[in-house]
N, C-alpha and C. Protein backbone atom coordinates (compact mmCIF):
# COMPACT_ATOMS: atom_id res chain seq x y z
N MET A 1 36.31 -23.60 33.86
CA MET A 1 35.26 -22.71 34.38
C MET A 1 35.88 -21.58 35.18
N THR A 2 35.47 -20.37 34.89
CA THR A 2 36.03 -19.19 35.54
C THR A 2 35.51 -19.04 36.97
N ILE A 3 36.41 -18.77 37.91
CA ILE A 3 36.03 -18.51 39.30
C ILE A 3 35.72 -17.03 39.44
N ARG A 4 34.51 -16.71 39.85
CA ARG A 4 34.07 -15.32 39.96
C ARG A 4 34.26 -14.87 41.41
N VAL A 5 34.94 -13.74 41.58
CA VAL A 5 35.34 -13.29 42.92
C VAL A 5 34.79 -11.90 43.23
N LEU A 6 34.33 -11.74 44.47
CA LEU A 6 33.94 -10.45 45.03
C LEU A 6 34.97 -10.06 46.09
N VAL A 7 35.57 -8.88 45.97
CA VAL A 7 36.59 -8.42 46.91
C VAL A 7 35.99 -7.38 47.85
N VAL A 8 36.12 -7.61 49.16
CA VAL A 8 35.50 -6.73 50.15
C VAL A 8 36.55 -6.23 51.14
N ASP A 9 36.76 -4.92 51.18
CA ASP A 9 37.70 -4.30 52.12
C ASP A 9 37.40 -2.81 52.17
N ASP A 10 37.55 -2.22 53.35
CA ASP A 10 37.23 -0.79 53.45
C ASP A 10 38.35 0.11 52.93
N GLN A 11 39.50 -0.47 52.60
CA GLN A 11 40.60 0.31 52.05
C GLN A 11 40.65 0.13 50.53
N SER A 12 40.52 1.23 49.81
CA SER A 12 40.45 1.15 48.36
C SER A 12 41.73 0.59 47.74
N MET A 13 42.88 0.89 48.33
CA MET A 13 44.13 0.38 47.78
C MET A 13 44.23 -1.14 47.92
N VAL A 14 43.72 -1.66 49.03
CA VAL A 14 43.72 -3.11 49.22
C VAL A 14 42.81 -3.77 48.20
N ARG A 15 41.62 -3.21 48.00
CA ARG A 15 40.70 -3.77 47.01
C ARG A 15 41.33 -3.75 45.61
N ALA A 16 41.94 -2.64 45.27
CA ALA A 16 42.55 -2.50 43.95
C ALA A 16 43.70 -3.49 43.77
N GLY A 17 44.50 -3.67 44.83
CA GLY A 17 45.63 -4.57 44.74
C GLY A 17 45.22 -6.02 44.55
N PHE A 18 44.28 -6.48 45.37
CA PHE A 18 43.79 -7.84 45.25
C PHE A 18 43.10 -8.06 43.90
N SER A 19 42.32 -7.07 43.47
CA SER A 19 41.62 -7.20 42.20
C SER A 19 42.59 -7.32 41.04
N ALA A 20 43.64 -6.51 41.04
CA ALA A 20 44.63 -6.55 39.97
C ALA A 20 45.35 -7.90 39.94
N LEU A 21 45.73 -8.39 41.13
CA LEU A 21 46.43 -9.67 41.19
C LEU A 21 45.55 -10.82 40.69
N LEU A 22 44.30 -10.81 41.10
CA LEU A 22 43.41 -11.91 40.72
C LEU A 22 43.03 -11.85 39.24
N ASP A 23 42.77 -10.66 38.73
CA ASP A 23 42.39 -10.53 37.32
C ASP A 23 43.51 -10.96 36.38
N ALA A 24 44.73 -10.95 36.89
CA ALA A 24 45.88 -11.36 36.07
C ALA A 24 46.05 -12.88 36.02
N GLN A 25 45.25 -13.60 36.82
CA GLN A 25 45.38 -15.05 36.89
C GLN A 25 44.39 -15.73 35.92
N PRO A 26 44.84 -16.75 35.21
CA PRO A 26 43.92 -17.46 34.31
C PRO A 26 42.81 -18.17 35.09
N GLY A 27 41.61 -18.05 34.59
CA GLY A 27 40.49 -18.75 35.20
C GLY A 27 39.89 -18.06 36.41
N ILE A 28 40.32 -16.82 36.70
CA ILE A 28 39.77 -16.06 37.82
C ILE A 28 39.35 -14.67 37.33
N GLU A 29 38.18 -14.24 37.74
CA GLU A 29 37.67 -12.92 37.36
C GLU A 29 37.06 -12.22 38.57
N VAL A 30 37.50 -10.99 38.84
CA VAL A 30 36.88 -10.18 39.89
C VAL A 30 35.66 -9.50 39.28
N VAL A 31 34.48 -9.85 39.80
CA VAL A 31 33.24 -9.34 39.21
C VAL A 31 32.75 -8.08 39.89
N ALA A 32 33.23 -7.81 41.11
CA ALA A 32 32.80 -6.61 41.84
C ALA A 32 33.66 -6.44 43.08
N ASP A 33 33.60 -5.25 43.68
CA ASP A 33 34.25 -5.02 44.97
C ASP A 33 33.35 -4.16 45.83
N ALA A 34 33.55 -4.24 47.15
CA ALA A 34 32.72 -3.50 48.10
C ALA A 34 33.57 -2.99 49.24
N SER A 35 33.14 -1.88 49.83
CA SER A 35 33.92 -1.26 50.91
C SER A 35 33.35 -1.51 52.29
N ASP A 36 32.22 -2.21 52.39
CA ASP A 36 31.65 -2.53 53.70
C ASP A 36 30.79 -3.78 53.60
N GLY A 37 30.39 -4.29 54.76
CA GLY A 37 29.66 -5.54 54.79
C GLY A 37 28.30 -5.48 54.13
N ALA A 38 27.57 -4.40 54.34
CA ALA A 38 26.23 -4.30 53.76
C ALA A 38 26.29 -4.31 52.24
N ALA A 39 27.24 -3.57 51.69
CA ALA A 39 27.40 -3.55 50.24
C ALA A 39 27.82 -4.92 49.72
N ALA A 40 28.65 -5.61 50.50
CA ALA A 40 29.09 -6.95 50.11
C ALA A 40 27.93 -7.92 50.02
N VAL A 41 27.04 -7.87 51.01
CA VAL A 41 25.87 -8.75 51.01
C VAL A 41 25.00 -8.48 49.79
N ALA A 42 24.76 -7.20 49.52
CA ALA A 42 23.93 -6.83 48.38
C ALA A 42 24.54 -7.29 47.06
N LEU A 43 25.85 -7.10 46.92
CA LEU A 43 26.53 -7.51 45.69
C LEU A 43 26.58 -9.03 45.55
N ALA A 44 26.74 -9.72 46.66
CA ALA A 44 26.77 -11.18 46.61
C ALA A 44 25.42 -11.72 46.13
N MET A 45 24.33 -11.10 46.58
CA MET A 45 22.99 -11.49 46.15
C MET A 45 22.80 -11.22 44.67
N GLN A 46 23.39 -10.13 44.20
CA GLN A 46 23.20 -9.71 42.81
C GLN A 46 24.13 -10.43 41.84
N MET A 47 25.40 -10.58 42.22
CA MET A 47 26.41 -11.08 41.29
C MET A 47 26.67 -12.59 41.40
N HIS A 48 26.27 -13.19 42.52
CA HIS A 48 26.46 -14.63 42.75
C HIS A 48 27.91 -15.07 42.50
N PRO A 49 28.86 -14.49 43.24
CA PRO A 49 30.26 -14.88 43.05
C PRO A 49 30.51 -16.28 43.61
N ASP A 50 31.58 -16.90 43.13
CA ASP A 50 31.97 -18.20 43.66
C ASP A 50 32.75 -18.06 44.97
N VAL A 51 33.55 -16.98 45.04
CA VAL A 51 34.39 -16.73 46.20
C VAL A 51 34.27 -15.27 46.61
N VAL A 52 34.23 -15.02 47.92
CA VAL A 52 34.24 -13.66 48.45
C VAL A 52 35.48 -13.50 49.32
N LEU A 53 36.34 -12.54 48.97
CA LEU A 53 37.47 -12.17 49.82
C LEU A 53 36.94 -11.14 50.80
N MET A 54 36.92 -11.46 52.09
CA MET A 54 36.22 -10.65 53.07
C MET A 54 37.13 -10.10 54.17
N ASP A 55 37.21 -8.78 54.27
CA ASP A 55 37.89 -8.16 55.40
C ASP A 55 36.98 -8.29 56.63
N VAL A 56 37.57 -8.29 57.82
CA VAL A 56 36.77 -8.43 59.04
C VAL A 56 36.41 -7.07 59.62
N ARG A 57 37.40 -6.24 59.81
CA ARG A 57 37.20 -4.95 60.48
C ARG A 57 36.80 -3.88 59.48
N MET A 58 35.50 -3.59 59.44
CA MET A 58 34.97 -2.56 58.54
C MET A 58 33.89 -1.77 59.27
N PRO A 59 33.70 -0.50 58.90
CA PRO A 59 32.64 0.28 59.54
C PRO A 59 31.26 -0.25 59.16
N GLY A 60 30.28 -0.02 60.05
CA GLY A 60 28.94 -0.52 59.78
C GLY A 60 28.89 -2.02 59.99
N MET A 61 28.33 -2.74 59.05
CA MET A 61 28.30 -4.20 59.14
C MET A 61 29.71 -4.75 58.95
N ASP A 62 30.21 -5.49 59.95
CA ASP A 62 31.57 -6.02 59.83
C ASP A 62 31.60 -7.29 58.99
N GLY A 63 32.80 -7.82 58.80
CA GLY A 63 32.96 -8.98 57.95
C GLY A 63 32.34 -10.24 58.48
N ILE A 64 32.26 -10.37 59.80
CA ILE A 64 31.66 -11.56 60.40
C ILE A 64 30.16 -11.61 60.08
N ALA A 65 29.48 -10.50 60.33
CA ALA A 65 28.04 -10.44 60.06
C ALA A 65 27.76 -10.61 58.57
N ALA A 66 28.59 -10.00 57.75
CA ALA A 66 28.40 -10.11 56.30
C ALA A 66 28.62 -11.54 55.83
N THR A 67 29.63 -12.20 56.39
CA THR A 67 29.90 -13.60 56.05
C THR A 67 28.70 -14.48 56.37
N GLU A 68 28.12 -14.27 57.54
CA GLU A 68 26.97 -15.07 57.94
C GLU A 68 25.80 -14.87 56.99
N GLU A 69 25.56 -13.62 56.60
CA GLU A 69 24.46 -13.33 55.67
C GLU A 69 24.72 -13.96 54.30
N ILE A 70 25.94 -13.83 53.82
CA ILE A 70 26.27 -14.33 52.49
C ILE A 70 26.22 -15.84 52.42
N THR A 71 26.79 -16.52 53.42
CA THR A 71 26.80 -17.98 53.39
C THR A 71 25.42 -18.56 53.64
N ARG A 72 24.57 -17.83 54.32
CA ARG A 72 23.21 -18.30 54.55
C ARG A 72 22.37 -18.20 53.28
N ALA A 73 22.60 -17.16 52.48
CA ALA A 73 21.72 -16.88 51.35
C ALA A 73 22.30 -17.25 49.98
N THR A 74 23.59 -17.52 49.90
CA THR A 74 24.20 -17.84 48.61
C THR A 74 25.11 -19.06 48.73
N ALA A 75 25.63 -19.49 47.61
CA ALA A 75 26.56 -20.63 47.59
C ALA A 75 28.01 -20.19 47.59
N ALA A 76 28.26 -18.89 47.80
CA ALA A 76 29.62 -18.36 47.76
C ALA A 76 30.47 -18.90 48.91
N HIS A 77 31.74 -19.10 48.65
CA HIS A 77 32.71 -19.50 49.66
C HIS A 77 33.45 -18.24 50.12
N VAL A 78 33.47 -18.00 51.41
CA VAL A 78 34.08 -16.78 51.94
C VAL A 78 35.48 -17.06 52.46
N LEU A 79 36.43 -16.30 51.94
CA LEU A 79 37.82 -16.38 52.37
C LEU A 79 38.13 -15.09 53.13
N VAL A 80 38.34 -15.21 54.44
CA VAL A 80 38.50 -14.04 55.30
C VAL A 80 39.92 -13.49 55.22
N LEU A 81 40.03 -12.18 55.08
CA LEU A 81 41.32 -11.50 55.03
C LEU A 81 41.71 -11.06 56.44
N THR A 82 42.92 -11.40 56.85
CA THR A 82 43.39 -11.01 58.18
C THR A 82 44.71 -10.25 58.07
N THR A 83 45.00 -9.44 59.08
CA THR A 83 46.24 -8.67 59.09
C THR A 83 47.38 -9.46 59.70
N PHE A 84 47.05 -10.49 60.48
CA PHE A 84 48.07 -11.38 61.03
C PHE A 84 47.44 -12.73 61.29
N ASP A 85 48.27 -13.79 61.37
CA ASP A 85 47.73 -15.14 61.33
C ASP A 85 47.09 -15.62 62.63
N LEU A 86 47.10 -14.81 63.67
CA LEU A 86 46.44 -15.21 64.91
C LEU A 86 45.30 -14.25 65.24
N ASP A 87 44.57 -13.89 64.24
CA ASP A 87 43.44 -12.97 64.40
C ASP A 87 42.45 -13.50 65.40
N GLU A 88 41.95 -12.62 66.28
CA GLU A 88 41.04 -13.07 67.34
C GLU A 88 39.65 -13.41 66.84
N TYR A 89 39.39 -13.19 65.56
CA TYR A 89 38.06 -13.46 65.02
C TYR A 89 37.95 -14.83 64.34
N VAL A 90 38.95 -15.66 64.50
CA VAL A 90 38.98 -16.94 63.79
C VAL A 90 37.72 -17.77 64.06
N LEU A 91 37.41 -18.01 65.32
CA LEU A 91 36.27 -18.87 65.65
C LEU A 91 34.96 -18.25 65.20
N ASP A 92 34.78 -16.96 65.45
CA ASP A 92 33.54 -16.30 65.02
C ASP A 92 33.36 -16.39 63.51
N ALA A 93 34.45 -16.22 62.77
CA ALA A 93 34.37 -16.26 61.31
C ALA A 93 34.01 -17.65 60.82
N LEU A 94 34.60 -18.69 61.44
CA LEU A 94 34.29 -20.05 61.04
C LEU A 94 32.84 -20.40 61.36
N ARG A 95 32.38 -19.98 62.53
CA ARG A 95 30.99 -20.25 62.89
C ARG A 95 30.03 -19.51 61.96
N ALA A 96 30.47 -18.39 61.42
CA ALA A 96 29.63 -17.62 60.50
C ALA A 96 29.62 -18.25 59.11
N GLY A 97 30.53 -19.19 58.87
CA GLY A 97 30.53 -19.88 57.58
C GLY A 97 31.75 -19.67 56.72
N ALA A 98 32.78 -18.97 57.23
CA ALA A 98 33.99 -18.75 56.44
C ALA A 98 34.65 -20.08 56.09
N ALA A 99 35.21 -20.14 54.89
CA ALA A 99 35.86 -21.37 54.43
C ALA A 99 37.35 -21.37 54.69
N GLY A 100 37.89 -20.21 55.10
CA GLY A 100 39.32 -20.15 55.37
C GLY A 100 39.80 -18.73 55.59
N PHE A 101 41.12 -18.62 55.71
CA PHE A 101 41.74 -17.34 56.04
C PHE A 101 42.95 -17.09 55.15
N LEU A 102 43.19 -15.81 54.87
CA LEU A 102 44.33 -15.42 54.04
C LEU A 102 44.90 -14.12 54.59
N LEU A 103 46.22 -14.07 54.73
CA LEU A 103 46.86 -12.85 55.19
C LEU A 103 46.80 -11.79 54.10
N LYS A 104 46.63 -10.54 54.51
CA LYS A 104 46.55 -9.45 53.54
C LYS A 104 47.85 -9.24 52.79
N ASP A 105 48.97 -9.69 53.37
CA ASP A 105 50.25 -9.53 52.67
C ASP A 105 50.63 -10.81 51.91
N ALA A 106 49.64 -11.62 51.59
CA ALA A 106 49.89 -12.85 50.85
C ALA A 106 50.47 -12.55 49.48
N THR A 107 51.30 -13.46 48.99
CA THR A 107 51.86 -13.32 47.65
C THR A 107 50.78 -13.62 46.61
N ALA A 108 51.07 -13.29 45.38
CA ALA A 108 50.13 -13.57 44.30
C ALA A 108 49.84 -15.07 44.21
N ALA A 109 50.88 -15.88 44.41
CA ALA A 109 50.70 -17.34 44.36
C ALA A 109 49.82 -17.82 45.50
N GLU A 110 50.04 -17.28 46.71
CA GLU A 110 49.23 -17.67 47.87
C GLU A 110 47.78 -17.23 47.70
N LEU A 111 47.58 -16.04 47.16
CA LEU A 111 46.24 -15.53 46.93
C LEU A 111 45.50 -16.41 45.93
N THR A 112 46.17 -16.72 44.82
CA THR A 112 45.55 -17.56 43.80
C THR A 112 45.23 -18.94 44.34
N HIS A 113 46.18 -19.52 45.09
CA HIS A 113 45.96 -20.84 45.68
C HIS A 113 44.78 -20.81 46.64
N GLY A 114 44.69 -19.76 47.46
CA GLY A 114 43.60 -19.66 48.42
C GLY A 114 42.25 -19.58 47.75
N VAL A 115 42.15 -18.78 46.72
CA VAL A 115 40.88 -18.63 45.99
C VAL A 115 40.49 -19.94 45.34
N ARG A 116 41.45 -20.60 44.69
CA ARG A 116 41.13 -21.86 44.03
C ARG A 116 40.77 -22.95 45.04
N THR A 117 41.44 -22.94 46.18
CA THR A 117 41.18 -23.95 47.21
C THR A 117 39.76 -23.87 47.73
N VAL A 118 39.33 -22.68 48.14
CA VAL A 118 37.97 -22.56 48.69
C VAL A 118 36.92 -22.69 47.60
N ALA A 119 37.25 -22.29 46.37
CA ALA A 119 36.30 -22.46 45.27
C ALA A 119 36.02 -23.93 45.01
N ASP A 120 37.01 -24.79 45.29
CA ASP A 120 36.86 -26.23 45.12
C ASP A 120 36.12 -26.88 46.29
N GLY A 121 35.78 -26.07 47.30
CA GLY A 121 35.05 -26.60 48.45
C GLY A 121 35.92 -27.05 49.60
N ASP A 122 37.23 -26.80 49.52
CA ASP A 122 38.13 -27.16 50.60
C ASP A 122 38.31 -26.00 51.57
N ALA A 123 38.76 -26.32 52.78
CA ALA A 123 39.06 -25.29 53.77
C ALA A 123 40.50 -24.83 53.61
N LEU A 124 40.76 -23.58 53.95
CA LEU A 124 42.11 -23.04 53.93
C LEU A 124 42.46 -22.64 55.36
N LEU A 125 43.04 -23.60 56.10
CA LEU A 125 43.33 -23.39 57.51
C LEU A 125 44.79 -23.74 57.78
N ALA A 126 45.62 -22.72 57.90
CA ALA A 126 47.04 -22.93 58.19
C ALA A 126 47.19 -23.43 59.63
N PRO A 127 48.31 -24.09 59.94
CA PRO A 127 48.54 -24.59 61.31
C PRO A 127 48.37 -23.51 62.38
N ALA A 128 48.83 -22.29 62.09
CA ALA A 128 48.70 -21.21 63.07
C ALA A 128 47.23 -20.87 63.32
N ILE A 129 46.41 -20.96 62.27
CA ILE A 129 44.98 -20.70 62.40
C ILE A 129 44.33 -21.79 63.25
N LEU A 130 44.71 -23.03 63.01
CA LEU A 130 44.17 -24.13 63.82
C LEU A 130 44.55 -23.96 65.28
N LYS A 131 45.79 -23.52 65.52
CA LYS A 131 46.24 -23.29 66.89
C LYS A 131 45.39 -22.22 67.55
N ARG A 132 45.13 -21.14 66.85
CA ARG A 132 44.31 -20.06 67.40
C ARG A 132 42.88 -20.54 67.66
N LEU A 133 42.38 -21.37 66.76
CA LEU A 133 41.03 -21.91 66.91
C LEU A 133 40.91 -22.71 68.20
N VAL A 134 41.90 -23.55 68.47
CA VAL A 134 41.89 -24.36 69.69
C VAL A 134 41.90 -23.47 70.92
N VAL A 135 42.73 -22.44 70.90
CA VAL A 135 42.82 -21.51 72.03
C VAL A 135 41.46 -20.86 72.27
N ASP A 136 40.80 -20.43 71.19
CA ASP A 136 39.50 -19.78 71.33
C ASP A 136 38.45 -20.74 71.89
N LEU A 137 38.47 -21.99 71.42
CA LEU A 137 37.48 -22.96 71.88
C LEU A 137 37.66 -23.29 73.35
N VAL A 138 38.92 -23.38 73.79
CA VAL A 138 39.21 -23.68 75.19
C VAL A 138 38.76 -22.54 76.09
N GLY A 139 38.90 -21.30 75.61
CA GLY A 139 38.62 -20.14 76.45
C GLY A 139 37.17 -19.70 76.47
N ARG A 140 36.32 -20.36 75.70
CA ARG A 140 34.92 -19.94 75.64
C ARG A 140 34.02 -20.97 76.29
N PRO A 141 32.81 -20.54 76.71
CA PRO A 141 31.87 -21.50 77.28
C PRO A 141 31.54 -22.58 76.27
N GLU A 142 31.29 -23.79 76.76
CA GLU A 142 31.01 -24.90 75.86
C GLU A 142 29.73 -24.65 75.08
N ALA A 143 29.82 -24.85 73.78
CA ALA A 143 28.66 -24.65 72.91
C ALA A 143 27.93 -25.97 72.71
N PRO A 144 26.62 -25.90 72.42
CA PRO A 144 25.89 -27.15 72.16
C PRO A 144 26.54 -27.87 70.98
N SER A 145 26.82 -29.14 71.13
CA SER A 145 27.50 -29.88 70.07
C SER A 145 26.50 -30.70 69.26
N ARG A 146 26.89 -31.02 68.04
CA ARG A 146 26.05 -31.84 67.18
C ARG A 146 26.20 -33.31 67.55
N ASP A 147 25.17 -34.08 67.26
CA ASP A 147 25.18 -35.51 67.57
C ASP A 147 26.04 -36.23 66.53
N LEU A 148 27.17 -36.76 66.98
CA LEU A 148 28.06 -37.46 66.06
C LEU A 148 27.70 -38.93 65.90
N ASP A 149 26.66 -39.38 66.59
CA ASP A 149 26.25 -40.79 66.49
C ASP A 149 25.78 -41.15 65.08
N VAL A 150 25.43 -40.12 64.30
CA VAL A 150 24.96 -40.39 62.93
C VAL A 150 26.12 -40.80 62.02
N LEU A 151 27.35 -40.59 62.47
CA LEU A 151 28.52 -40.91 61.65
C LEU A 151 28.95 -42.37 61.83
N THR A 152 29.47 -42.95 60.78
CA THR A 152 30.07 -44.27 60.88
C THR A 152 31.45 -44.12 61.54
N PRO A 153 32.03 -45.20 62.05
CA PRO A 153 33.38 -45.11 62.63
C PRO A 153 34.40 -44.52 61.65
N ARG A 154 34.32 -44.90 60.38
CA ARG A 154 35.26 -44.38 59.40
C ARG A 154 35.05 -42.89 59.16
N GLU A 155 33.80 -42.45 59.15
CA GLU A 155 33.52 -41.02 58.97
C GLU A 155 34.05 -40.22 60.16
N ARG A 156 34.00 -40.80 61.35
CA ARG A 156 34.58 -40.15 62.53
C ARG A 156 36.09 -40.03 62.37
N ASP A 157 36.71 -41.10 61.89
CA ASP A 157 38.16 -41.06 61.65
C ASP A 157 38.51 -39.93 60.69
N VAL A 158 37.73 -39.81 59.63
CA VAL A 158 37.97 -38.77 58.63
C VAL A 158 37.78 -37.39 59.25
N LEU A 159 36.76 -37.23 60.07
CA LEU A 159 36.51 -35.95 60.73
C LEU A 159 37.69 -35.55 61.61
N VAL A 160 38.25 -36.49 62.34
CA VAL A 160 39.41 -36.23 63.19
C VAL A 160 40.56 -35.68 62.35
N LEU A 161 40.80 -36.29 61.21
CA LEU A 161 41.92 -35.88 60.37
C LEU A 161 41.64 -34.58 59.63
N VAL A 162 40.38 -34.33 59.28
CA VAL A 162 40.00 -33.03 58.73
C VAL A 162 40.29 -31.94 59.76
N ALA A 163 39.96 -32.22 61.02
CA ALA A 163 40.19 -31.25 62.09
C ALA A 163 41.67 -30.99 62.31
N ALA A 164 42.50 -31.95 61.92
CA ALA A 164 43.95 -31.78 62.04
C ALA A 164 44.53 -31.02 60.87
N GLY A 165 43.68 -30.65 59.91
CA GLY A 165 44.13 -29.86 58.78
C GLY A 165 44.64 -30.66 57.60
N LEU A 166 44.41 -31.97 57.59
CA LEU A 166 44.91 -32.81 56.51
C LEU A 166 44.03 -32.69 55.26
N SER A 167 44.67 -32.77 54.10
CA SER A 167 43.96 -32.77 52.82
C SER A 167 43.39 -34.17 52.56
N ASN A 168 42.55 -34.28 51.53
CA ASN A 168 42.00 -35.59 51.19
C ASN A 168 43.10 -36.58 50.84
N ALA A 169 44.12 -36.12 50.13
CA ALA A 169 45.22 -37.00 49.75
C ALA A 169 45.99 -37.49 50.99
N GLU A 170 46.20 -36.59 51.94
CA GLU A 170 46.91 -36.94 53.17
C GLU A 170 46.08 -37.90 54.02
N ILE A 171 44.76 -37.67 54.06
CA ILE A 171 43.88 -38.57 54.81
C ILE A 171 43.88 -39.96 54.16
N ALA A 172 43.85 -39.99 52.84
CA ALA A 172 43.87 -41.25 52.12
C ALA A 172 45.14 -42.04 52.45
N ASP A 173 46.25 -41.33 52.50
CA ASP A 173 47.53 -41.99 52.83
C ASP A 173 47.52 -42.50 54.27
N ARG A 174 46.99 -41.70 55.18
CA ARG A 174 46.97 -42.06 56.61
C ARG A 174 46.08 -43.27 56.86
N LEU A 175 44.96 -43.36 56.16
CA LEU A 175 44.01 -44.43 56.42
C LEU A 175 44.09 -45.56 55.41
N SER A 176 45.05 -45.46 54.48
CA SER A 176 45.23 -46.49 53.45
C SER A 176 43.96 -46.68 52.62
N LEU A 177 43.41 -45.55 52.19
CA LEU A 177 42.21 -45.56 51.37
C LEU A 177 42.47 -44.84 50.05
N ALA A 178 41.62 -45.04 49.08
CA ALA A 178 41.70 -44.28 47.84
C ALA A 178 41.21 -42.85 48.12
N GLU A 179 41.81 -41.88 47.42
CA GLU A 179 41.42 -40.49 47.65
C GLU A 179 39.94 -40.28 47.33
N GLN A 180 39.44 -40.95 46.29
CA GLN A 180 38.03 -40.81 45.95
C GLN A 180 37.14 -41.34 47.06
N THR A 181 37.59 -42.39 47.74
CA THR A 181 36.84 -42.93 48.88
C THR A 181 36.78 -41.92 50.01
N VAL A 182 37.91 -41.25 50.25
CA VAL A 182 37.96 -40.22 51.30
C VAL A 182 37.00 -39.09 50.96
N LYS A 183 36.99 -38.68 49.69
CA LYS A 183 36.06 -37.62 49.28
C LYS A 183 34.63 -38.00 49.58
N GLY A 184 34.30 -39.27 49.34
CA GLY A 184 32.96 -39.75 49.63
C GLY A 184 32.65 -39.70 51.11
N HIS A 185 33.62 -40.08 51.94
CA HIS A 185 33.42 -40.02 53.40
C HIS A 185 33.25 -38.58 53.87
N VAL A 186 34.04 -37.67 53.31
CA VAL A 186 33.94 -36.26 53.70
C VAL A 186 32.57 -35.71 53.33
N SER A 187 32.12 -35.99 52.12
CA SER A 187 30.80 -35.51 51.68
C SER A 187 29.68 -36.06 52.55
N ALA A 188 29.77 -37.35 52.87
CA ALA A 188 28.74 -37.97 53.71
C ALA A 188 28.75 -37.37 55.11
N MET A 189 29.95 -37.16 55.65
CA MET A 189 30.07 -36.58 56.99
C MET A 189 29.48 -35.17 57.04
N LEU A 190 29.79 -34.36 56.03
CA LEU A 190 29.27 -32.99 56.00
C LEU A 190 27.75 -32.99 55.87
N GLN A 191 27.23 -33.88 55.04
CA GLN A 191 25.78 -33.95 54.83
C GLN A 191 25.06 -34.40 56.10
N LYS A 192 25.58 -35.42 56.76
CA LYS A 192 24.94 -35.93 57.96
C LYS A 192 24.94 -34.90 59.10
N LEU A 193 26.01 -34.13 59.20
CA LEU A 193 26.11 -33.13 60.26
C LEU A 193 25.54 -31.78 59.86
N GLN A 194 25.06 -31.71 58.62
CA GLN A 194 24.46 -30.49 58.08
C GLN A 194 25.45 -29.32 58.15
N LEU A 195 26.65 -29.60 57.67
CA LEU A 195 27.71 -28.60 57.66
C LEU A 195 27.97 -28.14 56.23
N ARG A 196 28.39 -26.90 56.13
CA ARG A 196 28.62 -26.32 54.82
C ARG A 196 29.94 -26.80 54.21
N ASP A 197 30.98 -26.87 55.02
CA ASP A 197 32.29 -27.22 54.48
C ASP A 197 33.22 -27.75 55.57
N ARG A 198 34.47 -28.02 55.19
CA ARG A 198 35.45 -28.60 56.10
C ARG A 198 35.79 -27.66 57.25
N ALA A 199 35.76 -26.36 56.99
CA ALA A 199 36.09 -25.40 58.04
C ALA A 199 35.11 -25.53 59.21
N GLN A 200 33.83 -25.64 58.91
CA GLN A 200 32.85 -25.82 59.97
C GLN A 200 33.01 -27.18 60.65
N ALA A 201 33.48 -28.16 59.89
CA ALA A 201 33.71 -29.49 60.48
C ALA A 201 34.80 -29.43 61.54
N VAL A 202 35.80 -28.58 61.34
CA VAL A 202 36.86 -28.43 62.34
C VAL A 202 36.28 -27.93 63.66
N VAL A 203 35.42 -26.94 63.59
CA VAL A 203 34.80 -26.39 64.79
C VAL A 203 33.98 -27.46 65.51
N VAL A 204 33.18 -28.21 64.76
CA VAL A 204 32.34 -29.25 65.35
C VAL A 204 33.18 -30.34 66.00
N ALA A 205 34.29 -30.69 65.38
CA ALA A 205 35.16 -31.73 65.93
C ALA A 205 35.67 -31.36 67.31
N TYR A 206 36.02 -30.10 67.50
CA TYR A 206 36.50 -29.66 68.81
C TYR A 206 35.35 -29.44 69.79
N GLU A 207 34.27 -28.82 69.34
CA GLU A 207 33.15 -28.53 70.24
C GLU A 207 32.47 -29.81 70.74
N SER A 208 32.51 -30.86 69.94
CA SER A 208 31.85 -32.11 70.33
C SER A 208 32.72 -32.94 71.27
N GLY A 209 34.01 -32.60 71.36
CA GLY A 209 34.91 -33.39 72.18
C GLY A 209 35.55 -34.55 71.43
N LEU A 210 35.21 -34.70 70.14
CA LEU A 210 35.84 -35.76 69.34
C LEU A 210 37.34 -35.52 69.25
N VAL A 211 37.72 -34.26 69.15
CA VAL A 211 39.13 -33.87 69.17
C VAL A 211 39.33 -32.98 70.37
N THR A 212 40.38 -33.23 71.13
CA THR A 212 40.67 -32.43 72.31
C THR A 212 41.96 -31.65 72.13
N PRO A 213 42.02 -30.41 72.62
CA PRO A 213 43.22 -29.58 72.47
C PRO A 213 44.46 -30.28 73.02
N GLY A 214 45.45 -30.45 72.15
CA GLY A 214 46.72 -31.04 72.56
C GLY A 214 46.69 -32.54 72.67
N GLY A 215 45.51 -33.14 72.58
CA GLY A 215 45.43 -34.58 72.78
C GLY A 215 44.91 -35.35 71.61
N GLY A 216 44.50 -34.62 70.55
CA GLY A 216 43.95 -35.31 69.39
C GLY A 216 42.60 -35.90 69.70
N SER A 217 42.31 -37.02 69.08
CA SER A 217 41.02 -37.67 69.26
C SER A 217 41.01 -38.54 70.50
N PRO A 218 39.89 -38.58 71.27
CA PRO A 218 39.77 -39.45 72.42
C PRO A 218 39.82 -40.93 72.04
N ARG A 219 39.55 -41.23 70.76
CA ARG A 219 39.55 -42.62 70.33
C ARG A 219 40.63 -42.79 69.27
N ALA A 220 41.26 -43.94 69.26
CA ALA A 220 42.31 -44.20 68.28
C ALA A 220 41.69 -44.38 66.90
N LEU A 221 42.45 -43.95 65.88
CA LEU A 221 41.98 -44.16 64.52
C LEU A 221 42.05 -45.64 64.20
N SER A 222 41.00 -46.13 63.56
CA SER A 222 40.97 -47.56 63.22
C SER A 222 41.65 -47.80 61.89
């Protein structure tokens, strides 16, 4: 199945470069591009892409606002483009519904991997991004947290490891479970917490206090 991509950036050369790289990859097709957030929202509604590559800093409607509109109204996964890996918009972008982050100077292989990763419903959060996220959460007023009592103990364990950036295979190895079982726990956890994807689960894990900066989870993994 072909992954349909919308590329959004206010610089025409950046849009052209990403589009050329992606169109050269098997199973990926760039269906449209946009130079600002408002145009991106309109095109996302019209074209129904699977993945949106989204710049943050654009005139008019910025990438954060556009991401929120797109993820609220469509099933597209938004991959935010950043100029450096400690972008100050990490937390805002995740709260808006972004599924991950990609550096603008990413290689063709990294770009392709990023698009395929978020298209599969996984988060793309490098260790440096997680570090920045923790810094942002510590420095901001505490946000209302979701009730984690709806989760089973095992689902809480999985959430802790998702927040640590582990893949399903890595979580399966850590907890001595089958990968398919982990996938089931992740899906149940996201559904119970009414979260869109793993990226939002990371934010909830820290905001709820289940995971603490520098200290991991307050409770030991069972």
